Protein backbone atom coordinates (compact mmCIF):
# COMPACT_ATOMS: atom_id res chain seq x y z
CA UNK A 1 -179.71 -69.73 -44.99
CA UNK A 2 -180.05 -67.35 -42.02
CA UNK A 3 -183.04 -67.89 -39.93
CA UNK A 4 -183.07 -64.29 -38.89
CA UNK A 5 -180.72 -61.40 -39.57
CA UNK A 6 -178.57 -61.36 -36.33
CA UNK A 7 -177.00 -58.03 -37.50
CA UNK A 8 -180.29 -56.78 -36.43
CA UNK A 9 -180.19 -58.66 -33.19
CA UNK A 10 -179.00 -55.97 -30.96
CA UNK A 11 -179.38 -57.32 -27.31
CA UNK A 12 -178.46 -55.65 -24.16
CA UNK A 13 -175.49 -57.16 -22.49
CA UNK A 14 -177.86 -58.04 -19.66
CA UNK A 15 -180.33 -59.89 -21.78
CA UNK A 16 -181.87 -62.77 -19.86
CA UNK A 17 -179.86 -61.90 -16.74
CA UNK A 18 -180.93 -60.18 -13.58
CA UNK A 19 -184.38 -58.73 -13.77
CA UNK A 20 -184.84 -59.90 -17.45
CA UNK A 21 -184.82 -63.38 -16.30
CA UNK A 22 -188.27 -63.09 -15.03
CA UNK A 23 -189.50 -61.35 -18.13
CA UNK A 24 -188.19 -64.08 -20.55
CA UNK A 25 -190.53 -66.74 -21.68
CA UNK A 26 -190.24 -70.19 -20.42
CA UNK A 27 -188.64 -71.19 -23.70
CA UNK A 28 -185.79 -68.89 -23.11
CA UNK A 29 -182.75 -69.81 -21.23
CA UNK A 30 -180.30 -67.30 -19.42
CA UNK A 31 -177.87 -65.34 -21.55
CA UNK A 32 -174.93 -67.11 -20.29
CA UNK A 33 -174.79 -69.41 -17.25
CA UNK A 34 -176.60 -68.02 -14.08
CA UNK A 35 -173.26 -68.84 -12.27
CA UNK A 36 -170.32 -67.69 -14.29
CA UNK A 37 -168.08 -70.52 -15.43
CA UNK A 38 -164.62 -70.33 -13.84
CA UNK A 39 -161.31 -71.68 -14.69
CA UNK A 40 -161.85 -74.50 -12.14
CA UNK A 41 -165.05 -75.69 -13.95
CA UNK A 42 -163.37 -76.61 -17.17
CA UNK A 43 -160.40 -78.70 -18.12
CA UNK A 44 -157.17 -76.71 -17.55
CA UNK A 45 -154.41 -79.12 -18.60
CA UNK A 46 -151.72 -77.23 -20.39
CA UNK A 47 -153.30 -73.84 -19.65
CA UNK A 48 -151.17 -70.87 -18.23
CA UNK A 49 -151.82 -69.74 -14.73
CA UNK A 50 -153.21 -66.27 -14.30
CA UNK A 51 -153.28 -65.71 -18.01
CA UNK A 52 -153.89 -61.89 -18.62
CA UNK A 53 -153.70 -59.18 -21.24
CA UNK A 54 -150.15 -58.71 -22.58
CA UNK A 55 -149.17 -62.38 -21.76
CA UNK A 56 -147.64 -64.51 -24.55
CA UNK A 57 -149.47 -67.81 -24.71
CA UNK A 58 -147.32 -70.84 -24.31
CA UNK A 59 -149.10 -74.15 -23.51
CA UNK A 60 -147.57 -75.86 -20.46
CA UNK A 61 -148.15 -79.23 -22.00
CA UNK A 62 -148.53 -80.16 -25.77
CA UNK A 63 -151.70 -78.87 -27.27
CA UNK A 64 -153.08 -80.30 -30.42
CA UNK A 65 -156.18 -78.60 -32.15
CA UNK A 66 -158.31 -80.08 -34.83
CA UNK A 67 -158.74 -77.61 -37.63
CA UNK A 68 -161.21 -77.45 -40.48
CA UNK A 69 -159.28 -75.27 -42.87
CA UNK A 70 -160.57 -73.31 -46.02
CA UNK A 71 -157.82 -73.82 -48.56
CA UNK A 72 -157.06 -71.04 -51.17
CA UNK A 73 -155.49 -71.43 -54.42
CA UNK A 74 -153.60 -68.18 -53.92
CA UNK A 75 -151.55 -69.81 -51.22
CA UNK A 76 -152.27 -73.62 -50.93
CA UNK A 77 -152.10 -75.27 -47.47
CA UNK A 78 -148.67 -76.45 -46.57
CA UNK A 79 -148.07 -78.33 -43.35
CA UNK A 80 -144.47 -77.09 -43.33
CA UNK A 81 -145.29 -73.37 -43.23
CA UNK A 82 -143.16 -71.44 -40.80
CA UNK A 83 -146.42 -70.24 -39.13
CA UNK A 84 -147.06 -73.82 -37.89
CA UNK A 85 -143.36 -74.47 -37.02
CA UNK A 86 -143.20 -71.34 -34.74
CA UNK A 87 -146.45 -72.31 -33.06
CA UNK A 88 -145.13 -75.65 -32.25
CA UNK A 89 -141.65 -74.66 -31.28
CA UNK A 90 -142.30 -71.61 -29.41
CA UNK A 91 -145.93 -72.01 -28.16
CA UNK A 92 -146.26 -75.71 -27.91
CA UNK A 93 -149.28 -75.89 -30.30
CA UNK A 94 -149.79 -78.27 -33.17
CA UNK A 95 -152.73 -78.86 -35.54
CA UNK A 96 -154.58 -81.83 -36.93
CA UNK A 97 -155.67 -80.11 -40.24
CA UNK A 98 -158.64 -81.07 -42.44
CA UNK A 99 -157.90 -79.02 -45.57
CA UNK A 100 -160.78 -78.24 -47.79
CA UNK A 101 -160.63 -76.43 -51.21
CA UNK A 102 -162.52 -73.10 -51.31
CA UNK A 103 -164.97 -74.59 -53.98
CA UNK A 104 -166.05 -77.39 -51.67
CA UNK A 105 -165.84 -75.67 -48.36
CA UNK A 106 -169.50 -74.62 -47.59
CA UNK A 107 -170.79 -78.14 -48.59
CA UNK A 108 -168.10 -80.05 -46.79
CA UNK A 109 -168.62 -77.91 -43.69
CA UNK A 110 -172.36 -78.73 -43.66
CA UNK A 111 -171.74 -82.39 -44.20
CA UNK A 112 -169.02 -82.72 -41.72
CA UNK A 113 -171.03 -81.02 -38.94
CA UNK A 114 -174.16 -82.93 -39.77
CA UNK A 115 -172.27 -86.12 -39.50
CA UNK A 116 -170.82 -85.44 -36.17
CA UNK A 117 -167.24 -85.21 -37.48
CA UNK A 118 -166.48 -81.62 -36.90
CA UNK A 119 -162.94 -80.77 -35.85
CA UNK A 120 -162.34 -78.49 -32.85
CA UNK A 121 -162.31 -75.31 -34.82
CA UNK A 122 -163.76 -74.24 -38.32
CA UNK A 123 -161.99 -71.29 -39.73
CA UNK A 124 -163.61 -68.60 -42.05
CA UNK A 125 -166.95 -68.58 -40.28
CA UNK A 126 -169.01 -65.49 -40.93
CA UNK A 127 -171.85 -64.88 -38.47
CA UNK A 128 -174.87 -66.64 -39.78
CA UNK A 129 -173.22 -69.74 -41.13
CA UNK A 130 -173.96 -71.43 -37.67
CA UNK A 131 -177.70 -71.10 -37.97
CA UNK A 132 -178.54 -74.62 -39.32
CA UNK A 133 -176.52 -76.33 -36.55
CA UNK A 134 -177.17 -74.39 -33.44
CA UNK A 135 -180.35 -76.34 -32.52
CA UNK A 136 -178.58 -79.70 -32.86
CA UNK A 137 -176.23 -78.73 -30.18
CA UNK A 138 -173.09 -79.22 -32.48
CA UNK A 139 -171.78 -75.67 -32.04
CA UNK A 140 -170.26 -74.36 -28.89
CA UNK A 141 -172.13 -71.41 -27.29
CA UNK A 142 -168.74 -69.56 -27.05
CA UNK A 143 -170.39 -66.60 -25.23
CA UNK A 144 -170.54 -68.81 -22.15
CA UNK A 145 -166.63 -68.66 -22.11
CA UNK A 146 -165.49 -65.31 -23.49
CA UNK A 147 -164.98 -63.90 -20.05
CA UNK A 148 -162.02 -66.24 -19.79
CA UNK A 149 -160.44 -64.43 -22.84
CA UNK A 150 -158.82 -61.24 -21.55
CA UNK A 151 -157.56 -59.93 -24.84
CA UNK A 152 -161.01 -60.40 -26.40
CA UNK A 153 -162.66 -58.63 -23.48
CA UNK A 154 -160.25 -55.72 -23.67
CA UNK A 155 -160.92 -55.08 -27.32
CA UNK A 156 -164.77 -55.26 -26.75
CA UNK A 157 -164.33 -52.59 -23.96
CA UNK A 158 -161.81 -50.38 -25.49
CA UNK A 159 -163.30 -50.49 -29.10
CA UNK A 160 -166.93 -50.24 -28.01
CA UNK A 161 -168.02 -53.42 -29.61
CA UNK A 162 -170.26 -54.98 -27.05
CA UNK A 163 -173.27 -53.86 -28.97
CA UNK A 164 -172.22 -55.19 -32.32
CA UNK A 165 -171.25 -58.57 -30.70
CA UNK A 166 -174.50 -58.76 -28.80
CA UNK A 167 -176.16 -58.53 -32.29
CA UNK A 168 -174.98 -62.10 -32.65
CA UNK A 169 -177.02 -63.57 -29.88
CA UNK A 170 -179.83 -65.87 -30.22
CA UNK A 171 -183.04 -66.02 -28.20
CA UNK A 172 -181.27 -68.03 -25.59
CA UNK A 173 -179.02 -65.02 -25.14
CA UNK A 174 -176.03 -66.79 -26.46
CA UNK A 175 -173.84 -66.41 -29.61
CA UNK A 176 -171.99 -69.34 -31.36
CA UNK A 177 -169.56 -67.70 -33.61
CA UNK A 178 -166.40 -66.00 -32.28
CA UNK A 179 -166.06 -62.99 -34.70
CA UNK A 180 -163.01 -61.24 -35.96
CA UNK A 181 -162.89 -57.71 -34.28
CA UNK A 182 -161.64 -54.59 -36.21
CA UNK A 183 -160.74 -51.53 -34.39
CA UNK A 184 -162.11 -49.33 -36.95
CA UNK A 185 -164.30 -49.71 -40.14
CA UNK A 186 -162.17 -51.22 -42.84
CA UNK A 187 -163.22 -50.64 -46.49
CA UNK A 188 -161.97 -53.69 -48.23
CA UNK A 189 -164.73 -54.28 -50.93
CA UNK A 190 -165.23 -51.43 -53.33
CA UNK A 191 -165.23 -50.53 -56.95
CA UNK A 192 -161.77 -50.64 -58.70
CA UNK A 193 -160.61 -49.03 -61.87
CA UNK A 194 -157.71 -48.88 -64.39
CA UNK A 195 -156.43 -45.36 -63.47
CA UNK A 196 -154.04 -45.22 -66.55
CA UNK A 197 -156.86 -45.73 -68.97
CA UNK A 198 -159.11 -43.28 -67.20
CA UNK A 199 -156.29 -40.66 -67.28
CA UNK A 200 -155.77 -41.55 -71.06
CA UNK A 201 -159.24 -40.48 -71.90
CA UNK A 202 -159.41 -37.62 -69.38
CA UNK A 203 -161.94 -39.18 -67.15
CA UNK A 204 -162.06 -37.98 -63.61
CA UNK A 205 -162.46 -40.39 -60.69
CA UNK A 206 -166.17 -40.93 -60.14
CA UNK A 207 -167.67 -40.01 -56.81
CA UNK A 208 -171.20 -41.30 -57.48
CA UNK A 209 -172.92 -44.08 -59.44
CA UNK A 210 -174.13 -41.60 -61.89
CA UNK A 211 -170.60 -40.39 -62.51
CA UNK A 212 -169.47 -43.99 -62.87
CA UNK A 213 -172.14 -44.49 -65.66
CA UNK A 214 -170.73 -41.36 -67.50
CA UNK A 215 -167.12 -42.78 -67.09
CA UNK A 216 -168.28 -46.08 -68.58
CA UNK A 217 -170.04 -44.49 -71.56
CA UNK A 218 -166.70 -42.65 -72.53
CA UNK A 219 -164.80 -45.98 -72.22
CA UNK A 220 -167.30 -47.84 -74.27
CA UNK A 221 -167.23 -45.26 -77.01
CA UNK A 222 -163.54 -44.82 -77.12
CA UNK A 223 -162.40 -48.44 -76.80
CA UNK A 224 -165.20 -50.36 -78.19
CA UNK A 225 -165.16 -52.70 -75.21
CA UNK A 226 -167.60 -53.46 -72.50
CA UNK A 227 -165.96 -51.41 -69.85
CA UNK A 228 -167.23 -53.10 -66.53
CA UNK A 229 -167.07 -56.53 -65.30
CA UNK A 230 -167.43 -58.05 -61.64
CA UNK A 231 -165.89 -60.33 -59.10
CA UNK A 232 -168.09 -62.66 -57.26
CA UNK A 233 -170.93 -62.51 -59.73
CA UNK A 234 -172.00 -59.25 -58.22
CA UNK A 235 -172.62 -60.28 -54.62
CA UNK A 236 -169.94 -57.97 -53.16
CA UNK A 237 -171.16 -55.13 -55.14
CA UNK A 238 -174.71 -55.41 -54.19
CA UNK A 239 -173.72 -55.61 -50.48
CA UNK A 240 -171.55 -52.49 -50.57
CA UNK A 241 -173.74 -50.45 -52.92
CA UNK A 242 -176.92 -51.39 -51.06
CA UNK A 243 -176.93 -48.68 -48.42
CA UNK A 244 -176.39 -46.04 -51.00
CA UNK A 245 -179.61 -47.07 -52.71
CA UNK A 246 -181.45 -47.46 -49.41
CA UNK A 247 -181.62 -51.29 -49.80
CA UNK A 248 -179.98 -54.51 -49.03
CA UNK A 249 -178.53 -57.02 -51.51
CA UNK A 250 -175.66 -59.59 -52.26
CA UNK A 251 -173.84 -60.62 -49.14
CA UNK A 252 -175.57 -57.91 -47.24
CA UNK A 253 -178.99 -59.26 -47.99
CA UNK A 254 -179.38 -61.17 -44.72
CA UNK A 255 -183.07 -62.09 -44.44
CA UNK A 256 -184.22 -59.40 -46.79
CA UNK A 257 -185.99 -57.34 -44.07
CA UNK A 258 -185.44 -53.72 -43.37
CA UNK A 259 -186.57 -51.36 -40.46
CA UNK A 260 -188.91 -48.61 -41.34
CA UNK A 261 -188.32 -46.16 -38.59
CA UNK A 262 -191.18 -43.90 -39.48
CA UNK A 263 -193.82 -46.75 -39.15
CA UNK A 264 -191.82 -48.72 -36.52
CA UNK A 265 -192.02 -51.95 -38.38
CA UNK A 266 -190.05 -54.17 -40.64
CA UNK A 267 -190.55 -54.26 -44.43
CA UNK A 268 -189.20 -56.51 -47.18
CA UNK A 269 -186.27 -54.79 -48.85
CA UNK A 270 -186.72 -56.11 -52.44
CA UNK A 271 -190.44 -54.76 -52.60
CA UNK A 272 -189.28 -51.19 -51.87
CA UNK A 273 -188.16 -48.43 -54.32
CA UNK A 274 -184.72 -48.58 -53.28
CA UNK A 275 -184.24 -52.10 -54.43
CA UNK A 276 -185.82 -51.27 -57.78
CA UNK A 277 -183.68 -48.22 -58.16
CA UNK A 278 -180.57 -50.52 -57.64
CA UNK A 279 -181.74 -53.15 -60.19
CA UNK A 280 -182.70 -50.60 -62.71
CA UNK A 281 -179.24 -49.00 -62.51
CA UNK A 282 -177.42 -52.10 -63.25
CA UNK A 283 -179.89 -53.41 -65.74
CA UNK A 284 -179.35 -50.01 -67.45
CA UNK A 285 -175.59 -50.49 -67.62
CA UNK A 286 -176.01 -53.95 -69.15
CA UNK A 287 -178.65 -52.73 -71.73
CA UNK A 288 -176.25 -49.98 -72.76
CA UNK A 289 -173.25 -52.23 -73.17
CA UNK A 290 -171.51 -50.71 -70.10
CA UNK A 291 -171.50 -53.83 -67.93
CA UNK A 292 -170.90 -57.46 -69.12
CA UNK A 293 -173.88 -59.52 -68.35
CA UNK A 294 -171.66 -62.73 -68.13
CA UNK A 295 -170.04 -61.14 -65.12
CA UNK A 296 -173.10 -62.31 -63.05
CA UNK A 297 -172.21 -65.91 -63.55
CA UNK A 298 -168.54 -66.06 -64.39
CA UNK A 299 -165.71 -66.98 -62.02
CA UNK A 300 -162.83 -64.85 -60.85
CA UNK A 301 -160.32 -66.16 -63.12
CA UNK A 302 -162.50 -64.94 -66.08
CA UNK A 303 -162.83 -61.59 -64.53
CA UNK A 304 -159.09 -61.17 -63.92
CA UNK A 305 -158.32 -62.03 -67.51
CA UNK A 306 -160.81 -59.47 -68.79
CA UNK A 307 -159.15 -56.78 -66.68
CA UNK A 308 -155.56 -57.72 -67.43
CA UNK A 309 -156.20 -58.28 -71.13
CA UNK A 310 -157.73 -54.64 -71.25
CA UNK A 311 -161.13 -56.02 -72.19
CA UNK A 312 -162.63 -54.29 -69.20
CA UNK A 313 -161.41 -51.37 -67.10
CA UNK A 314 -163.70 -51.44 -63.94
CA UNK A 315 -164.79 -54.01 -61.59
CA UNK A 316 -165.93 -54.66 -58.03
CA UNK A 317 -163.20 -56.27 -55.88
CA UNK A 318 -161.10 -55.96 -52.81
CA UNK A 319 -157.30 -55.59 -51.84
CA UNK A 320 -156.39 -59.08 -52.82
CA UNK A 321 -158.08 -58.98 -56.33
CA UNK A 322 -156.63 -55.57 -56.99
CA UNK A 323 -153.06 -56.77 -56.19
CA UNK A 324 -153.66 -59.83 -58.59
CA UNK A 325 -154.74 -57.64 -61.38
CA UNK A 326 -151.92 -55.26 -60.91
CA UNK A 327 -149.53 -58.21 -61.02
CA UNK A 328 -151.15 -59.56 -64.11
CA UNK A 329 -150.94 -56.14 -65.73
CA UNK A 330 -147.15 -55.87 -65.05
CA UNK A 331 -146.54 -59.31 -66.34
CA UNK A 332 -148.42 -58.75 -69.56
CA UNK A 333 -147.79 -55.14 -70.30
CA UNK A 334 -144.61 -54.15 -68.36
CA UNK A 335 -143.70 -52.46 -65.11
CA UNK A 336 -145.64 -49.13 -64.72
CA UNK A 337 -147.69 -49.33 -67.82
CA UNK A 338 -151.04 -49.61 -66.03
CA UNK A 339 -152.37 -49.17 -62.55
CA UNK A 340 -155.49 -50.65 -61.12
CA UNK A 341 -156.81 -48.71 -58.12
CA UNK A 342 -159.63 -48.07 -55.65
CA UNK A 343 -162.69 -45.92 -56.30
CA UNK A 344 -164.22 -43.99 -53.38
CA UNK A 345 -167.35 -45.64 -52.00
CA UNK A 346 -169.73 -44.18 -54.42
CA UNK A 347 -172.79 -42.00 -53.47
CA UNK A 348 -176.25 -43.28 -54.64
CA UNK A 349 -179.79 -41.97 -54.59
CA UNK A 350 -179.85 -42.35 -50.74
CA UNK A 351 -176.45 -40.42 -50.36
CA UNK A 352 -173.01 -41.37 -49.30
CA UNK A 353 -174.11 -44.18 -47.09
CA UNK A 354 -172.22 -47.27 -46.12
CA UNK A 355 -172.30 -50.14 -43.66
CA UNK A 356 -170.38 -49.38 -40.34
CA UNK A 357 -169.89 -52.99 -39.27
CA UNK A 358 -166.54 -53.89 -37.59
CA UNK A 359 -167.13 -57.54 -37.12
CA UNK A 360 -165.85 -60.01 -39.61
CA UNK A 361 -165.31 -63.62 -40.37
CA UNK A 362 -164.17 -65.58 -37.44
CA UNK A 363 -164.38 -69.23 -36.03
CA UNK A 364 -166.71 -71.77 -34.80
CA UNK A 365 -165.86 -74.30 -32.12
CA UNK A 366 -167.36 -77.88 -31.81
CA UNK A 367 -169.38 -78.05 -28.65
CA UNK A 368 -167.42 -81.17 -27.61
CA UNK A 369 -164.28 -78.99 -27.18
CA UNK A 370 -165.79 -77.80 -23.69
CA UNK A 371 -165.34 -81.39 -22.53
CA UNK A 372 -161.55 -81.48 -23.35
CA UNK A 373 -159.22 -81.72 -20.39
CA UNK A 374 -157.18 -78.89 -22.04
CA UNK A 375 -160.22 -76.56 -22.98
CA UNK A 376 -158.89 -73.62 -21.01
CA UNK A 377 -155.57 -73.84 -22.99
CA UNK A 378 -157.50 -73.85 -26.25
CA UNK A 379 -159.35 -70.74 -25.10
CA UNK A 380 -156.06 -69.08 -24.24
CA UNK A 381 -154.35 -69.89 -27.52
CA UNK A 382 -157.48 -68.48 -29.52
CA UNK A 383 -157.50 -65.33 -27.29
CA UNK A 384 -153.66 -64.69 -27.89
CA UNK A 385 -153.47 -65.39 -31.54
CA UNK A 386 -156.65 -63.74 -32.77
CA UNK A 387 -157.24 -60.90 -30.18
CA UNK A 388 -153.86 -59.74 -28.87
CA UNK A 389 -151.64 -57.19 -30.50
CA UNK A 390 -148.65 -59.61 -30.51
CA UNK A 391 -150.76 -62.51 -31.90
CA UNK A 392 -152.17 -60.27 -34.72
CA UNK A 393 -148.67 -59.07 -35.61
CA UNK A 394 -147.27 -62.65 -35.60
CA UNK A 395 -150.15 -64.03 -37.76
CA UNK A 396 -149.91 -61.15 -40.18
CA UNK A 397 -146.28 -60.72 -40.54
CA UNK A 398 -144.41 -63.50 -38.90
CA UNK A 399 -140.89 -63.13 -37.21
CA UNK A 400 -139.26 -59.65 -37.05
CA UNK A 401 -135.96 -59.85 -38.62
CA UNK A 402 -136.68 -63.14 -40.32
CA UNK A 403 -139.87 -62.30 -42.45
CA UNK A 404 -140.30 -58.70 -41.91
CA UNK A 405 -138.95 -55.40 -40.59
CA UNK A 406 -140.53 -52.37 -39.15
CA UNK A 407 -139.50 -49.03 -40.88
CA UNK A 408 -140.65 -45.45 -41.44
CA UNK A 409 -139.90 -45.76 -44.99
CA UNK A 410 -143.36 -47.18 -45.96
CA UNK A 411 -146.75 -45.75 -44.83
CA UNK A 412 -147.97 -48.90 -42.96
CA UNK A 413 -144.72 -48.99 -40.92
CA UNK A 414 -144.02 -52.80 -41.82
CA UNK A 415 -142.54 -54.45 -45.00
CA UNK A 416 -141.32 -57.89 -45.89
CA UNK A 417 -137.63 -58.57 -46.15
CA UNK A 418 -136.24 -58.00 -49.55
CA UNK A 419 -136.34 -61.73 -50.65
CA UNK A 420 -140.08 -61.94 -49.64
CA UNK A 421 -143.10 -60.53 -51.46
CA UNK A 422 -146.41 -59.74 -49.84
CA UNK A 423 -149.45 -58.01 -51.31
CA UNK A 424 -147.96 -55.07 -53.46
CA UNK A 425 -144.57 -55.12 -51.63
CA UNK A 426 -141.51 -56.59 -53.23
CA UNK A 427 -143.20 -57.98 -56.30
CA UNK A 428 -140.96 -60.55 -58.07
CA UNK A 429 -139.16 -61.67 -54.93
CA UNK A 430 -138.10 -65.20 -54.77
CA UNK A 431 -140.46 -66.10 -51.86
CA UNK A 432 -144.01 -65.05 -50.81
CA UNK A 433 -145.10 -64.29 -47.30
CA UNK A 434 -148.33 -66.16 -47.65
CA UNK A 435 -147.44 -69.00 -50.07
CA UNK A 436 -144.18 -69.84 -48.66
CA UNK A 437 -144.45 -68.96 -44.98
CA UNK A 438 -148.03 -69.07 -44.21
CA UNK A 439 -148.28 -65.64 -42.85
CA UNK A 440 -150.83 -63.13 -43.75
CA UNK A 441 -153.24 -66.05 -44.07
CA UNK A 442 -157.01 -65.03 -43.76
CA UNK A 443 -157.69 -68.10 -41.68
CA UNK A 444 -155.63 -66.54 -38.93
CA UNK A 445 -155.06 -63.00 -39.71
CA UNK A 446 -158.48 -61.72 -40.52
CA UNK A 447 -159.04 -58.77 -38.18
CA UNK A 448 -157.21 -56.74 -35.63
CA UNK A 449 -156.13 -53.35 -34.25
CA UNK A 450 -155.67 -50.43 -36.79
CA UNK A 451 -151.85 -50.66 -36.71
CA UNK A 452 -151.85 -54.17 -38.10
CA UNK A 453 -154.85 -53.66 -40.49
CA UNK A 454 -153.04 -50.46 -41.77
CA UNK A 455 -149.56 -52.26 -41.92
CA UNK A 456 -150.17 -53.67 -45.36
CA UNK A 457 -151.44 -50.42 -46.69
CA UNK A 458 -149.28 -48.16 -49.01
CA UNK A 459 -149.71 -44.45 -48.48
CA UNK A 460 -152.56 -44.22 -51.01
CA UNK A 461 -154.48 -47.04 -49.32
CA UNK A 462 -154.08 -45.39 -45.97
CA UNK A 463 -155.29 -42.16 -47.09
CA UNK A 464 -158.28 -43.97 -48.65
CA UNK A 465 -159.36 -45.66 -45.53
CA UNK A 466 -159.01 -42.54 -43.44
CA UNK A 467 -160.94 -40.44 -45.97
CA UNK A 468 -163.84 -42.96 -46.21
CA UNK A 469 -164.05 -43.21 -42.51
CA UNK A 470 -164.34 -39.30 -42.22
CA UNK A 471 -166.63 -38.64 -45.25
CA UNK A 472 -169.12 -41.33 -45.43
CA UNK A 473 -172.32 -41.83 -43.49
CA UNK A 474 -172.65 -44.97 -41.56
CA UNK A 475 -176.14 -46.37 -41.46
CA UNK A 476 -177.76 -47.39 -38.22
CA UNK A 477 -178.15 -51.06 -37.41
CA UNK A 478 -181.81 -52.14 -37.26
CA UNK A 479 -183.49 -53.17 -34.07
CA UNK A 480 -183.56 -56.75 -32.97
CA UNK A 481 -186.34 -59.23 -33.30
CA UNK A 482 -185.18 -62.57 -31.56
CA UNK A 483 -187.45 -65.55 -32.31
CA UNK A 484 -188.19 -68.72 -30.55
CA UNK A 485 -186.89 -72.06 -32.19
CA UNK A 486 -190.22 -72.74 -33.50
CA UNK A 487 -190.52 -69.35 -35.00
CA UNK A 488 -187.11 -69.40 -36.54
CA UNK A 489 -188.01 -72.72 -38.20
CA UNK A 490 -191.23 -71.27 -39.72
CA UNK A 491 -189.16 -68.07 -40.80
CA UNK A 492 -186.80 -70.31 -42.47
CA UNK A 493 -189.44 -72.13 -44.51
CA UNK A 494 -190.84 -68.83 -45.68
CA UNK A 495 -187.64 -66.84 -46.22
CA UNK A 496 -185.74 -69.49 -48.22
CA UNK A 497 -188.11 -69.46 -51.26
CA UNK A 498 -188.53 -65.71 -50.98
CA UNK A 499 -184.85 -65.13 -51.38
CA UNK A 500 -184.60 -67.66 -54.15
CA UNK A 501 -187.28 -65.78 -56.10
CA UNK A 502 -185.61 -62.47 -55.43
CA UNK A 503 -182.20 -63.87 -56.68
CA UNK A 504 -183.89 -65.25 -59.84
CA UNK A 505 -185.71 -62.16 -60.84
CA UNK A 506 -182.80 -59.81 -59.99
CA UNK A 507 -180.57 -61.81 -62.23
CA UNK A 508 -183.01 -61.85 -65.00
CA UNK A 509 -183.96 -58.20 -64.69
CA UNK A 510 -180.30 -57.02 -64.72
CA UNK A 511 -179.07 -59.29 -67.56
CA UNK A 512 -182.08 -58.35 -69.73
CA UNK A 513 -183.72 -61.80 -69.61
CA UNK A 514 -186.65 -60.08 -68.18
CA UNK A 515 -188.08 -56.61 -69.05
CA UNK A 516 -188.62 -54.32 -65.97
CA UNK A 517 -192.22 -54.18 -67.16
CA UNK A 518 -192.54 -57.38 -65.32
CA UNK A 519 -191.84 -55.76 -61.90
CA UNK A 520 -195.43 -56.07 -60.70
CA UNK A 521 -195.11 -59.86 -61.59
CA UNK A 522 -192.05 -60.09 -59.27
CA UNK A 523 -194.05 -58.42 -56.48
CA UNK A 524 -196.97 -60.67 -57.11
CA UNK A 525 -194.79 -63.82 -56.85
CA UNK A 526 -193.27 -62.59 -53.52
CA UNK A 527 -196.81 -61.93 -52.19
CA UNK A 528 -197.95 -65.44 -53.42
CA UNK A 529 -195.01 -66.86 -51.41
CA UNK A 530 -196.53 -65.39 -48.37
CA UNK A 531 -194.07 -62.55 -47.81
CA UNK A 532 -196.75 -60.98 -45.64
CA UNK A 533 -196.97 -63.89 -43.25
CA UNK A 534 -193.10 -63.76 -43.12
CA UNK A 535 -193.23 -60.15 -42.14
CA UNK A 536 -195.87 -60.78 -39.52
CA UNK A 537 -193.59 -63.33 -37.89
CA UNK A 538 -190.69 -60.75 -37.92
CA UNK A 539 -192.86 -57.84 -36.63
CA UNK A 540 -194.51 -59.83 -34.00
CA UNK A 541 -191.13 -60.93 -32.71
CA UNK A 542 -189.89 -57.31 -32.84
CA UNK A 543 -192.90 -56.09 -30.82
CA UNK A 544 -192.69 -58.72 -28.33
CA UNK A 545 -189.14 -57.98 -27.59
CA UNK A 546 -189.77 -54.20 -27.24
CA UNK A 547 -192.44 -55.10 -24.76
CA UNK A 548 -190.06 -57.26 -22.82
CA UNK A 549 -187.49 -54.31 -22.89
CA UNK A 550 -190.05 -51.93 -21.56
CA UNK A 551 -190.96 -54.30 -18.72
CA UNK A 552 -187.42 -54.40 -17.62
CA UNK A 553 -186.85 -50.66 -17.84
C-alpha cells in the first residue's frame, strides 16, 4: 500500500540542498549526500575507467549480480537464453537468478525483503512498491548514485524528465526505485475490439465511452452475447479511463486523493462526482447485459477464451494481450478471418484526457549492494543495459544478423529473422524471440527511446501512438505533499481501510450486488473511517511544504 502518492510528490531538484537545507525540519536529511559521492568512494573492482555516454559496458573482472526475477508464463525463465549467454561472453556479466512465478511475485518479494534475503536487484518494480521497506533501510537510495550513471543522466536532461523523477522522492529527498524512462508517452493500455465483427454489423470505431455503449448495444442485440469483457479485473481500465471521468481508479488510484486547484486543497477522489460517474457508467453496462460481471474477478486465460471463442468482442488490454488474442483467433478460425485491434483513448465526461506519465516499472536495489567491492561496475552495467540506446536495442532485439535485421520494409524499422517470431511478426515461425532467446523480456526491455519503443509497432500501431500523442489532453500532475515518517505511518493506517472500502463498494455497485441508491451509505462509511482525518494529514503536509518553498524563494 502506498503511504502517499509519489506521483504527486514533485520536488525541486534542489530539495534539501543549498538554501533549502536550512528550511527543512530536523527530521529531514539532505536530498542526496552533502558531499557528492565519487567513484573513489565506492567499490570499483571490475568497473570501466572514464565510463561515459556511448561506451559499451564490459566488466574488467567477472561481475555476478543476484537477480529476483518475475517469471512469466508467456516466456518461462530459461538460464540458457542467448540474452544471458551474450552478457556473459561479451560483457563479463553473469546472474544468480531467483525466479518467482508471477502469481507469487508480490508476496515472495515482501517476504524475501523482510527476511533480509533480498538479492542485489528486484526486477519489475513500479514506483510505490518500495514504500513498506524504505524505513527499514533494506532498499538502496539509488538517487545518491545516479550521477555516476551517464546514460541515465543524459536521458533525464534530453527528455526533460527531472520533474517526473523528482516525484519519486521521499521527505529525505531521496528516491529508492530506479524507474524505466520513456522518451515519449506510450499508450499501451486501452480498449481493444474485434474489428471484423464491428465491420460486419456496420459499427464505426468508438471515439467516446458513450459511443462504445451504443456499439455494445448493437453487438448484444445482433449476437445474443455479452459483448464486453476485461483483463486484470478492470484495474487497467479504471486506470486509463479515470482521467476522462475526472477521477482516479484501478492501478492509477494511488492514495485516492486528487488536487482541487480552485480551492487549493486535496480531496478524496471516490467521494467526488467524477468517481460516481465512472461507477455508474460501468454499472449501467453490466445491468444492460453489455459487460460481463464475472470479468471483474476472472483471470486472463478466461478473458482470452471469451474473445477467441467470439463470446465477447471488446475488452481492455495492451499490446501483449492483443497479440495473444489475434494468435488465438488465427488458430481457431483461420488466417485473416478476424482482427482484434486498438480503440482510441476514449473521451469521457471530462473530455479527451489521459495521463502523461513517462516513467514505468524499473528496478530496486538491495542497500547492501553499496558495500560490494564492485558496486561501481553494477551501476555501470545497469546504466548501459537500461538507459543506453545500444543496451535498449540489445535487450529488445538481441544481435543484429542473428536474431533480427533492420529494414525499411516494416514501419518500425526492425524485424526478427524469418525463423523467429516476435509479437505480431513472423507468426508460426519455429522459434520465438522471447521464449527461445530471452530478448524482448519486460524484465530487461521495459522502456527506452522512441526508436526502440516504436520498433515493435506495425504501421497501424505507429500511427495510433502518434495520433494519441497529438490529439489527447495530458492531465497535469498534482502538487507534492511529502510527509514525515510518523505521518506516513499514520496515513497508511487511515488510507488502507479507506481503499479497501472503496474497492468493495466499487465492485458491488458495478456488478449489481449493491444498488446505487446505497451511494450515501458508501460515503458515510468513508466518513466513519475518518477520511476527514486522512485529508487533514495530506493537506497539512501540502501546506507546510508550500510554506517551505516560499521561504526558499
